[in-house]
Protein backbone atom coordinates (compact mmCIF):
# COMPACT_ATOMS: atom_id res chain seq x y z
CA MET A 1 2.07 -7.70 16.73
CA SER A 2 4.93 -10.17 16.51
CA THR A 3 6.79 -11.12 13.36
CA ALA A 4 5.25 -14.61 13.49
CA GLU A 5 1.73 -13.13 13.65
CA ASN A 6 2.54 -10.84 10.71
CA LEU A 7 3.77 -13.80 8.65
CA THR A 8 0.68 -15.85 9.50
CA LEU A 9 -1.57 -12.98 8.41
CA PHE A 10 0.56 -12.42 5.27
CA ASP A 11 0.09 -16.09 4.34
CA SER A 12 -3.68 -15.89 4.82
CA ILE A 13 -4.48 -12.71 2.88
CA GLN A 14 -5.69 -12.97 -0.70
CA ALA A 15 -6.09 -10.60 -3.61
CA GLY A 16 -9.10 -8.38 -2.94
CA ASP A 17 -8.57 -8.14 0.84
CA ARG A 18 -8.27 -4.65 2.34
CA VAL A 19 -5.24 -4.21 4.58
CA GLU A 20 -3.44 -1.53 6.56
CA LEU A 21 0.32 -1.69 6.86
CA GLU A 22 2.08 0.41 9.48
CA HIS A 23 5.77 0.62 8.64
CA GLU A 24 8.90 2.69 9.12
CA VAL A 25 10.34 4.79 6.33
CA LYS A 26 14.06 5.47 6.61
CA VAL A 27 16.01 7.98 4.56
CA GLY A 28 19.55 8.62 5.70
CA TYR A 29 19.47 9.24 9.44
CA ARG A 30 15.81 10.25 9.41
CA GLN A 31 12.95 7.85 10.01
CA TRP A 32 9.22 8.11 10.51
CA THR A 33 6.23 5.81 10.82
CA THR A 34 3.48 5.82 8.21
CA LYS A 35 0.38 3.80 7.35
CA THR A 36 -0.49 2.49 3.92
CA VAL A 37 -4.07 1.35 3.32
CA GLY A 38 -5.27 -0.42 0.21
CA THR A 39 -6.70 -3.45 -1.51
CA VAL A 40 -4.30 -6.33 -2.14
CA ILE A 41 -3.60 -6.77 -5.84
CA ALA A 42 -0.77 -9.28 -5.40
CA LYS A 43 1.53 -10.74 -2.80
CA ASP A 44 4.86 -12.44 -3.30
CA ARG A 45 8.00 -13.62 -1.58
CA GLN A 46 10.90 -12.42 -3.75
CA ARG A 47 14.53 -13.37 -3.55
CA HIS A 48 16.94 -10.47 -3.74
CA GLY A 49 20.59 -9.60 -3.37
CA LEU A 50 20.41 -6.39 -1.38
CA HIS A 51 23.11 -7.44 1.05
CA HIS A 52 26.68 -6.56 0.17
CA GLN A 53 29.41 -9.22 0.33
CA ARG A 54 27.27 -12.12 1.48
CA ASN A 55 28.11 -15.73 0.80
CA PHE A 56 27.05 -16.72 -2.74
CA ASP A 57 24.59 -19.37 -1.51
CA ASP A 58 22.82 -17.20 1.09
CA LYS A 59 19.16 -16.93 0.25
CA VAL A 60 17.58 -13.60 1.23
CA PHE A 61 13.84 -13.10 0.69
CA SER A 62 11.39 -10.24 1.16
CA ASP A 63 7.61 -10.40 1.56
CA ILE A 64 6.04 -8.01 -0.95
CA LEU A 65 2.50 -6.60 -1.17
CA VAL A 66 1.13 -4.70 -4.16
CA LEU A 67 -1.76 -2.50 -3.01
CA ARG A 68 -4.28 -0.32 -4.81
CA GLY A 69 -5.10 2.79 -2.78
CA GLU A 70 -8.45 4.56 -2.51
CA ASP A 71 -7.46 6.87 -5.38
CA GLY A 72 -6.47 3.95 -7.65
CA GLU A 73 -2.73 4.45 -7.17
CA LEU A 74 -0.65 1.25 -7.05
CA THR A 75 2.07 0.93 -4.44
CA THR A 76 4.47 -1.85 -3.55
CA VAL A 77 5.47 -2.32 0.09
CA THR A 78 7.94 -4.70 1.67
CA LEU A 79 7.28 -6.18 5.09
CA ASP A 80 10.07 -6.26 7.65
CA GLU A 81 10.36 -7.03 11.35
CA PHE A 82 9.03 -3.55 12.25
CA SER A 83 5.90 -3.75 10.05
CA VAL A 84 2.43 -4.19 11.52
CA LEU A 85 -0.07 -5.73 9.09
CA ARG A 86 -3.82 -5.57 9.76
CA ARG A 87 -6.76 -6.93 7.76
CA LEU A 88 -9.57 -4.36 7.38
CA PRO A 89 -13.27 -5.00 6.73
CA SER A 90 -14.11 -4.92 3.03
CA ARG A 91 -15.90 -1.90 1.60
CA SER A 92 -19.34 -2.58 0.28
C-alpha cells in the first residue's frame, strides 16, 4: 500500500472503526515488523519538534491513532511511510 493510499484511508476512518496497522519497531540497530489491531478511539495530526536543528518555521506533523485492543488496553501508534493501515470488518 502506498503512502497516498494510507493517508486516504487515515482520513476516512472514524472512531469506532476496527483497524490493523502493520508497522516497524526500531530500537537501536534492531528492527522488526509487528501488527497492532484495535478499535479507533481517536485520530489526530499532531505537530511536533522531534527533529534536531531544523529551521524554526519548519512544520513537522505526525498522524496519530489511539486504539483500544481486544483486552481493553489503549495504545497510541504513529503512522509513517513504512506503515500499512487496513480497515477490518466490525465485530458484532
